[in-house]
PDB file of N, CA and C in Angstrom:
ATOM      1  N   MET A   1    -160.039  73.711   5.301  1.00  0.00           N
ATOM      2  CA  MET A   1    -159.600  73.963   4.020  1.00  0.00           C
ATOM      3  C   MET A   1    -158.207  74.736   4.088  1.00  0.00           C
ATOM      4  N   HIS A   2    -158.182  75.737   4.972  1.00  0.00           N
ATOM      5  CA  HIS A   2    -156.979  76.725   4.894  1.00  0.00           C
ATOM      6  C   HIS A   2    -155.937  75.852   5.819  1.00  0.00           C
ATOM      7  N   PHE A   3    -154.753  76.362   5.579  1.00  0.00           N
ATOM      8  CA  PHE A   3    -153.579  75.821   6.252  1.00  0.00           C
ATOM      9  C   PHE A   3    -153.270  74.417   5.883  1.00  0.00           C
ATOM     10  N   ASN A   4    -153.865  74.067   4.722  1.00  0.00           N
ATOM     11  CA  ASN A   4    -153.627  72.673   4.036  1.00  0.00           C
ATOM     12  C   ASN A   4    -152.325  72.864   3.146  1.00  0.00           C
ATOM     13  N   VAL A   5    -151.251  72.108   3.345  1.00  0.00           N
ATOM     14  CA  VAL A   5    -150.024  72.176   2.734  1.00  0.00           C
ATOM     15  C   VAL A   5    -150.208  71.827   1.229  1.00  0.00           C
ATOM     16  N   VAL A   6    -150.842  70.792   0.962  1.00  0.00           N
ATOM     17  CA  VAL A   6    -151.030  70.459  -0.565  1.00  0.00           C
ATOM     18  C   VAL A   6    -151.774  71.349  -1.080  1.00  0.00           C
ATOM     19  N   GLN A   7    -152.926  71.791  -0.697  1.00  0.00           N
ATOM     20  CA  GLN A   7    -153.700  73.059  -1.245  1.00  0.00           C
ATOM     21  C   GLN A   7    -152.769  74.120  -1.376  1.00  0.00           C
ATOM     22  N   GLY A   8    -152.072  74.497  -0.643  1.00  0.00           N
ATOM     23  CA  GLY A   8    -151.103  75.764  -0.707  1.00  0.00           C
ATOM     24  C   GLY A   8    -150.142  75.646  -1.855  1.00  0.00           C
ATOM     25  N   ILE A   9    -149.652  74.382  -2.080  1.00  0.00           N
ATOM     26  CA  ILE A   9    -148.644  74.193  -3.152  1.00  0.00           C
ATOM     27  C   ILE A   9    -149.290  74.452  -4.472  1.00  0.00           C
ATOM     28  N   TYR A  10    -150.515  73.778  -4.677  1.00  0.00           N
ATOM     29  CA  TYR A  10    -151.003  73.841  -6.112  1.00  0.00           C
ATOM     30  C   TYR A  10    -151.753  75.230  -6.051  1.00  0.00           C
ATOM     31  N   THR A  11    -152.114  76.023  -5.097  1.00  0.00           N
ATOM     32  CA  THR A  11    -152.730  77.285  -5.317  1.00  0.00           C
ATOM     33  C   THR A  11    -151.541  78.285  -5.583  1.00  0.00           C
ATOM     34  N   PHE A  12    -150.411  78.037  -4.896  1.00  0.00           N
ATOM     35  CA  PHE A  12    -149.204  78.888  -5.165  1.00  0.00           C
ATOM     36  C   PHE A  12    -148.968  78.799  -6.803  1.00  0.00           C
ATOM     37  N   ILE A  13    -148.889  77.503  -7.212  1.00  0.00           N
ATOM     38  CA  ILE A  13    -148.432  77.368  -8.754  1.00  0.00           C
ATOM     39  C   ILE A  13    -149.539  77.963  -9.590  1.00  0.00           C
ATOM     40  N   LEU A  14    -150.787  77.810  -9.299  1.00  0.00           N
ATOM     41  CA  LEU A  14    -151.938  78.541  -9.975  1.00  0.00           C
ATOM     42  C   LEU A  14    -151.690  80.076 -10.080  1.00  0.00           C
ATOM     43  N   GLY A  15    -151.422  80.634  -8.953  1.00  0.00           N
ATOM     44  CA  GLY A  15    -150.995  82.000  -8.777  1.00  0.00           C
ATOM     45  C   GLY A  15    -150.141  82.395  -9.607  1.00  0.00           C
ATOM     46  N   VAL A  16    -148.928  81.701  -9.658  1.00  0.00           N
ATOM     47  CA  VAL A  16    -147.703  81.910 -10.408  1.00  0.00           C
ATOM     48  C   VAL A  16    -148.215  81.934 -11.990  1.00  0.00           C
ATOM     49  N   VAL A  17    -148.934  80.870 -12.396  1.00  0.00           N
ATOM     50  CA  VAL A  17    -149.469  80.690 -13.707  1.00  0.00           C
ATOM     51  C   VAL A  17    -150.427  81.952 -14.119  1.00  0.00           C
ATOM     52  N   CYS A  18    -151.173  82.392 -13.283  1.00  0.00           N
ATOM     53  CA  CYS A  18    -152.168  83.560 -13.590  1.00  0.00           C
ATOM     54  C   CYS A  18    -151.225  84.748 -13.595  1.00  0.00           C
ATOM     55  N   ALA A  19    -150.209  84.997 -12.699  1.00  0.00           N
ATOM     56  CA  ALA A  19    -149.342  86.070 -12.904  1.00  0.00           C
ATOM     57  C   ALA A  19    -148.652  86.126 -14.219  1.00  0.00           C
ATOM     58  N   LEU A  20    -148.061  85.008 -14.584  1.00  0.00           N
ATOM     59  CA  LEU A  20    -147.386  84.950 -15.873  1.00  0.00           C
ATOM     60  C   LEU A  20    -148.391  85.295 -17.123  1.00  0.00           C
ATOM     61  N   MET A  21    -149.568  84.665 -16.955  1.00  0.00           N
ATOM     62  CA  MET A  21    -150.495  85.047 -18.014  1.00  0.00           C
ATOM     63  C   MET A  21    -150.743  86.667 -18.013  1.00  0.00           C
ATOM     64  N   TYR A  22    -150.680  87.318 -16.953  1.00  0.00           N
ATOM     65  CA  TYR A  22    -151.065  88.673 -17.081  1.00  0.00           C
ATOM     66  C   TYR A  22    -149.907  89.336 -17.484  1.00  0.00           C
ATOM     67  N   MET A  23    -148.631  88.936 -16.972  1.00  0.00           N
ATOM     68  CA  MET A  23    -147.340  89.669 -17.519  1.00  0.00           C
ATOM     69  C   MET A  23    -147.207  89.559 -19.013  1.00  0.00           C
ATOM     70  N   TYR A  24    -147.521  88.370 -19.565  1.00  0.00           N
ATOM     71  CA  TYR A  24    -147.447  88.300 -20.993  1.00  0.00           C
ATOM     72  C   TYR A  24    -148.564  88.865 -21.783  1.00  0.00           C
ATOM     73  N   SER A  25    -149.796  88.814 -21.264  1.00  0.00           N
ATOM     74  CA  SER A  25    -150.872  89.390 -22.201  1.00  0.00           C
ATOM     75  C   SER A  25    -151.178  90.730 -21.771  1.00  0.00           C
ATOM     76  N   GLU A  26    -150.723  91.359 -20.503  1.00  0.00           N
ATOM     77  CA  GLU A  26    -151.257  92.538 -20.174  1.00  0.00           C
ATOM     78  C   GLU A  26    -152.682  92.692 -19.975  1.00  0.00           C
ATOM     79  N   SER A  27    -153.317  91.534 -19.669  1.00  0.00           N
ATOM     80  CA  SER A  27    -154.707  91.387 -19.548  1.00  0.00           C
ATOM     81  C   SER A  27    -155.074  90.630 -18.344  1.00  0.00           C
ATOM     82  N   LEU A  28    -156.110  90.929 -17.639  1.00  0.00           N
ATOM     83  CA  LEU A  28    -156.606  89.992 -16.682  1.00  0.00           C
ATOM     84  C   LEU A  28    -157.424  88.756 -17.250  1.00  0.00           C
ATOM     85  N   ILE A  29    -158.072  88.711 -18.448  1.00  0.00           N
ATOM     86  CA  ILE A  29    -158.890  87.819 -18.871  1.00  0.00           C
ATOM     87  C   ILE A  29    -158.231  86.546 -18.981  1.00  0.00           C
ATOM     88  N   GLY A  30    -156.945  86.306 -19.278  1.00  0.00           N
ATOM     89  CA  GLY A  30    -156.295  85.186 -19.278  1.00  0.00           C
ATOM     90  C   GLY A  30    -156.232  84.469 -17.802  1.00  0.00           C
ATOM     91  N   GLY A  31    -156.034  85.219 -16.918  1.00  0.00           N
ATOM     92  CA  GLY A  31    -155.866  84.632 -15.542  1.00  0.00           C
ATOM     93  C   GLY A  31    -157.256  84.244 -15.045  1.00  0.00           C
ATOM     94  N   ILE A  32    -158.270  85.017 -15.331  1.00  0.00           N
ATOM     95  CA  ILE A  32    -159.658  84.592 -14.976  1.00  0.00           C
ATOM     96  C   ILE A  32    -160.006  83.540 -15.631  1.00  0.00           C
ATOM     97  N   ILE A  33    -159.783  83.142 -16.911  1.00  0.00           N
ATOM     98  CA  ILE A  33    -160.057  82.042 -17.583  1.00  0.00           C
ATOM     99  C   ILE A  33    -159.321  80.886 -17.103  1.00  0.00           C
ATOM    100  N   VAL A  34    -158.185  80.953 -16.667  1.00  0.00           N
ATOM    101  CA  VAL A  34    -157.254  79.824 -16.178  1.00  0.00           C
ATOM    102  C   VAL A  34    -157.986  79.481 -14.736  1.00  0.00           C
ATOM    103  N   HIS A  35    -158.250  80.382 -13.952  1.00  0.00           N
ATOM    104  CA  HIS A  35    -158.885  80.188 -12.837  1.00  0.00           C
ATOM    105  C   HIS A  35    -160.231  79.658 -12.909  1.00  0.00           C
ATOM    106  N   ILE A  36    -161.116  79.919 -13.880  1.00  0.00           N
ATOM    107  CA  ILE A  36    -162.464  79.234 -14.027  1.00  0.00           C
ATOM    108  C   ILE A  36    -162.221  77.852 -14.576  1.00  0.00           C
ATOM    109  N   ILE A  37    -161.319  77.491 -15.458  1.00  0.00           N
ATOM    110  CA  ILE A  37    -160.934  76.166 -15.886  1.00  0.00           C
ATOM    111  C   ILE A  37    -160.279  75.388 -14.684  1.00  0.00           C
ATOM    112  N   PHE A  38    -159.370  75.958 -13.783  1.00  0.00           N
ATOM    113  CA  PHE A  38    -159.012  75.300 -12.809  1.00  0.00           C
ATOM    114  C   PHE A  38    -160.108  74.813 -11.636  1.00  0.00           C
ATOM    115  N   ASN A  39    -160.973  75.747 -11.390  1.00  0.00           N
ATOM    116  CA  ASN A  39    -162.054  75.530 -10.359  1.00  0.00           C
ATOM    117  C   ASN A  39    -162.949  74.238 -11.103  1.00  0.00           C
ATOM    118  N   PHE A  40    -163.228  74.431 -12.537  1.00  0.00           N
ATOM    119  CA  PHE A  40    -164.122  73.528 -13.071  1.00  0.00           C
ATOM    120  C   PHE A  40    -163.455  72.102 -13.013  1.00  0.00           C
ATOM    121  N   LEU A  41    -162.254  71.993 -13.464  1.00  0.00           N
ATOM    122  CA  LEU A  41    -161.500  70.856 -13.281  1.00  0.00           C
ATOM    123  C   LEU A  41    -161.429  70.288 -11.921  1.00  0.00           C
ATOM    124  N   GLY A  42    -161.367  71.288 -10.890  1.00  0.00           N
ATOM    125  CA  GLY A  42    -161.239  70.509  -9.508  1.00  0.00           C
ATOM    126  C   GLY A  42    -162.652  70.005  -9.242  1.00  0.00           C
ATOM    127  N   MET A  43    -163.604  70.708  -9.492  1.00  0.00           N
ATOM    128  CA  MET A  43    -165.148  70.074  -9.241  1.00  0.00           C
ATOM    129  C   MET A  43    -165.267  68.735  -9.941  1.00  0.00           C
ATOM    130  N   THR A  44    -165.029  68.844 -11.352  1.00  0.00           N
ATOM    131  CA  THR A  44    -165.187  67.703 -12.144  1.00  0.00           C
ATOM    132  C   THR A  44    -164.408  66.551 -11.719  1.00  0.00           C
ATOM    133  N   LEU A  45    -163.127  66.647 -11.458  1.00  0.00           N
ATOM    134  CA  LEU A  45    -162.359  65.497 -11.219  1.00  0.00           C
ATOM    135  C   LEU A  45    -162.658  64.985  -9.873  1.00  0.00           C
ATOM    136  N   THR A  46    -163.113  65.705  -8.991  1.00  0.00           N
ATOM    137  CA  THR A  46    -163.519  65.374  -7.649  1.00  0.00           C
ATOM    138  C   THR A  46    -164.720  64.391  -7.677  1.00  0.00           C
ATOM    139  N   LYS A  47    -165.566  64.879  -8.509  1.00  0.00           N
ATOM    140  CA  LYS A  47    -166.895  64.028  -8.793  1.00  0.00           C
ATOM    141  C   LYS A  47    -166.597  62.663  -9.528  1.00  0.00           C
ATOM    142  N   LEU A  48    -165.500  62.743 -10.441  1.00  0.00           N
ATOM    143  CA  LEU A  48    -165.241  61.605 -11.074  1.00  0.00           C
ATOM    144  C   LEU A  48    -164.453  60.634 -10.197  1.00  0.00           C
ATOM    145  N   ALA A  49    -163.791  61.136  -9.298  1.00  0.00           N
ATOM    146  CA  ALA A  49    -162.761  60.308  -8.344  1.00  0.00           C
ATOM    147  C   ALA A  49    -163.879  59.330  -7.668  1.00  0.00           C
ATOM    148  N   THR A  50    -165.035  59.822  -7.354  1.00  0.00           N
ATOM    149  CA  THR A  50    -165.848  58.957  -6.506  1.00  0.00           C
ATOM    150  C   THR A  50    -166.589  57.806  -7.524  1.00  0.00           C
ATOM    151  N   VAL A  51    -166.473  58.079  -8.794  1.00  0.00           N
ATOM    152  CA  VAL A  51    -166.929  57.006  -9.559  1.00  0.00           C
ATOM    153  C   VAL A  51    -165.809  56.044  -9.861  1.00  0.00           C
ATOM    154  N   SER A  52    -164.631  56.654 -10.373  1.00  0.00           N
ATOM    155  CA  SER A  52    -163.578  55.688 -10.788  1.00  0.00           C
ATOM    156  C   SER A  52    -162.373  56.518 -10.737  1.00  0.00           C
ATOM    157  N   VAL A  53    -161.210  55.897 -10.018  1.00  0.00           N
ATOM    158  CA  VAL A  53    -159.910  56.430 -10.014  1.00  0.00           C
ATOM    159  C   VAL A  53    -159.323  56.587 -11.319  1.00  0.00           C
ATOM    160  N   ALA A  54    -159.334  55.580 -12.133  1.00  0.00           N
ATOM    161  CA  ALA A  54    -158.793  55.533 -13.518  1.00  0.00           C
ATOM    162  C   ALA A  54    -159.393  56.450 -14.430  1.00  0.00           C
ATOM    163  N   LEU A  55    -160.821  56.619 -14.377  1.00  0.00           N
ATOM    164  CA  LEU A  55    -161.451  57.681 -15.112  1.00  0.00           C
ATOM    165  C   LEU A  55    -161.012  59.150 -14.787  1.00  0.00           C
ATOM    166  N   THR A  56    -160.720  59.297 -13.455  1.00  0.00           N
ATOM    167  CA  THR A  56    -160.115  60.594 -13.091  1.00  0.00           C
ATOM    168  C   THR A  56    -158.871  60.964 -13.763  1.00  0.00           C
ATOM    169  N   GLY A  57    -157.895  59.939 -13.613  1.00  0.00           N
ATOM    170  CA  GLY A  57    -156.548  60.027 -14.208  1.00  0.00           C
ATOM    171  C   GLY A  57    -156.540  60.425 -15.704  1.00  0.00           C
ATOM    172  N   ILE A  58    -157.516  59.563 -16.433  1.00  0.00           N
ATOM    173  CA  ILE A  58    -157.388  59.838 -17.765  1.00  0.00           C
ATOM    174  C   ILE A  58    -158.158  61.082 -18.162  1.00  0.00           C
ATOM    175  N   SER A  59    -159.114  61.539 -17.366  1.00  0.00           N
ATOM    176  CA  SER A  59    -159.815  62.729 -17.698  1.00  0.00           C
ATOM    177  C   SER A  59    -158.656  63.979 -17.490  1.00  0.00           C
ATOM    178  N   GLY A  60    -157.963  63.837 -16.408  1.00  0.00           N
ATOM    179  CA  GLY A  60    -156.838  64.831 -16.172  1.00  0.00           C
ATOM    180  C   GLY A  60    -155.815  64.859 -17.166  1.00  0.00           C
ATOM    181  N   ILE A  61    -155.431  63.897 -17.694  1.00  0.00           N
ATOM    182  CA  ILE A  61    -154.483  63.803 -18.700  1.00  0.00           C
ATOM    183  C   ILE A  61    -155.086  64.443 -19.940  1.00  0.00           C
ATOM    184  N   ILE A  62    -156.328  64.147 -20.293  1.00  0.00           N
ATOM    185  CA  ILE A  62    -156.863  64.748 -21.351  1.00  0.00           C
ATOM    186  C   ILE A  62    -157.029  66.237 -21.362  1.00  0.00           C
ATOM    187  N   PHE A  63    -157.409  66.747 -20.113  1.00  0.00           N
ATOM    188  CA  PHE A  63    -157.458  68.069 -20.212  1.00  0.00           C
ATOM    189  C   PHE A  63    -156.182  68.782 -20.015  1.00  0.00           C
ATOM    190  N   LEU A  64    -155.260  68.066 -19.472  1.00  0.00           N
ATOM    191  CA  LEU A  64    -153.913  68.666 -19.581  1.00  0.00           C
ATOM    192  C   LEU A  64    -153.354  68.817 -21.048  1.00  0.00           C
ATOM    193  N   VAL A  65    -153.423  67.640 -22.000  1.00  0.00           N
ATOM    194  CA  VAL A  65    -153.148  67.741 -23.207  1.00  0.00           C
ATOM    195  C   VAL A  65    -153.853  68.831 -24.096  1.00  0.00           C
ATOM    196  N   ILE A  66    -154.998  68.861 -23.809  1.00  0.00           N
ATOM    197  CA  ILE A  66    -155.853  69.907 -24.580  1.00  0.00           C
ATOM    198  C   ILE A  66    -155.574  71.405 -24.099  1.00  0.00           C
ATOM    199  N   PHE A  67    -155.604  71.702 -22.726  1.00  0.00           N
ATOM    200  CA  PHE A  67    -155.414  72.994 -22.309  1.00  0.00           C
ATOM    201  C   PHE A  67    -154.129  73.607 -22.178  1.00  0.00           C
ATOM    202  N   LEU A  68    -153.007  72.870 -21.960  1.00  0.00           N
ATOM    203  CA  LEU A  68    -151.734  73.185 -21.986  1.00  0.00           C
ATOM    204  C   LEU A  68    -151.320  73.877 -23.201  1.00  0.00           C
ATOM    205  N   PRO A  69    -151.390  73.207 -24.317  1.00  0.00           N
ATOM    206  CA  PRO A  69    -150.877  73.661 -25.663  1.00  0.00           C
ATOM    207  C   PRO A  69    -151.751  74.951 -26.016  1.00  0.00           C
ATOM    208  N   VAL A  70    -153.048  74.776 -25.877  1.00  0.00           N
ATOM    209  CA  VAL A  70    -153.884  75.998 -26.260  1.00  0.00           C
ATOM    210  C   VAL A  70    -153.443  77.371 -25.385  1.00  0.00           C
ATOM    211  N   SER A  71    -153.220  77.022 -24.309  1.00  0.00           N
ATOM    212  CA  SER A  71    -152.645  78.114 -23.363  1.00  0.00           C
ATOM    213  C   SER A  71    -151.349  78.751 -23.761  1.00  0.00           C
ATOM    214  N   ILE A  72    -150.550  77.922 -23.987  1.00  0.00           N
ATOM    215  CA  ILE A  72    -149.071  78.269 -24.578  1.00  0.00           C
ATOM    216  C   ILE A  72    -149.378  79.058 -25.861  1.00  0.00           C
ATOM    217  N   ILE A  73    -149.998  78.548 -26.795  1.00  0.00           N
ATOM    218  CA  ILE A  73    -150.364  79.251 -28.019  1.00  0.00           C
ATOM    219  C   ILE A  73    -150.816  80.475 -27.831  1.00  0.00           C
ATOM    220  N   MET A  74    -151.859  80.761 -26.946  1.00  0.00           N
ATOM    221  CA  MET A  74    -152.595  82.041 -26.752  1.00  0.00           C
ATOM    222  C   MET A  74    -151.550  82.832 -26.181  1.00  0.00           C
ATOM    223  N   ILE A  75    -150.633  82.539 -25.337  1.00  0.00           N
ATOM    224  CA  ILE A  75    -149.627  83.469 -24.691  1.00  0.00           C
ATOM    225  C   ILE A  75    -148.852  83.865 -25.870  1.00  0.00           C
ATOM    226  N   LEU A  76    -148.147  82.899 -26.578  1.00  0.00           N
ATOM    227  CA  LEU A  76    -147.276  83.471 -27.642  1.00  0.00           C
ATOM    228  C   LEU A  76    -147.831  84.318 -28.763  1.00  0.00           C
ATOM    229  N   LYS A  77    -149.067  84.110 -29.053  1.00  0.00           N
ATOM    230  CA  LYS A  77    -149.843  84.988 -29.968  1.00  0.00           C
ATOM    231  C   LYS A  77    -150.069  86.420 -29.280  1.00  0.00           C
ATOM    232  N   SER A  78    -150.389  86.472 -28.132  1.00  0.00           N
ATOM    233  CA  SER A  78    -150.553  87.637 -27.564  1.00  0.00           C
ATOM    234  C   SER A  78    -149.290  88.458 -27.275  1.00  0.00           C
ATOM    235  N   ARG A  79    -148.143  87.872 -27.093  1.00  0.00           N
ATOM    236  CA  ARG A  79    -146.821  88.415 -27.074  1.00  0.00           C
ATOM    237  C   ARG A  79    -146.401  89.172 -28.410  1.00  0.00           C
ATOM    238  N   LYS A  80    -146.908  88.604 -29.529  1.00  0.00           N
ATOM    239  CA  LYS A  80    -146.542  89.132 -30.831  1.00  0.00           C
ATOM    240  C   LYS A  80    -147.322  90.383 -31.299  1.00  0.00           C
ATOM    241  N   GLN A  81    -148.468  90.569 -30.666  1.00  0.00           N
ATOM    242  CA  GLN A  81    -149.348  91.691 -30.993  1.00  0.00           C
ATOM    243  C   GLN A  81    -148.819  92.904 -30.414  1.00  0.00           C
ATOM    244  N   VAL A  82    -148.820  94.008 -31.321  1.00  0.00           N
ATOM    245  CA  VAL A  82    -148.409  95.342 -30.873  1.00  0.00           C
ATOM    246  C   VAL A  82    -149.632  96.227 -30.588  1.00  0.00           C
ATOM    247  N   TYR A  83    -149.558  96.920 -29.397  1.00  0.00           N
ATOM    248  CA  TYR A  83    -150.601  97.598 -29.037  1.00  0.00           C
ATOM    249  C   TYR A  83    -150.408  99.003 -29.216  1.00  0.00           C
TER     250      TYR A  83
END
C-alpha cells in the first residue's frame, strides 16, 4: 500500500482538504468528518466495484453531488460566525 503513486496523489488532496477545513473552521471536527466520509466511501465503493462498475460510478457521483455542496455550505457558515 505504501509508495503507491496513485494513493499518494489522492491522499495528498485529502490532506489539503482537511487542512483547509481546519483553517476556515478553526476546528478539527470538520477534518475528522471528511476523513471518516472518505474512508467510508473508499470501503463502500470498493465493495460495489466487485458487483458492478456502473453502480460504483453512479454511487460516487451521487456522494459527490451530496457531500460537496454540504461541505462548502458548512465551511462558509463557519467563516461567518464570530467567536
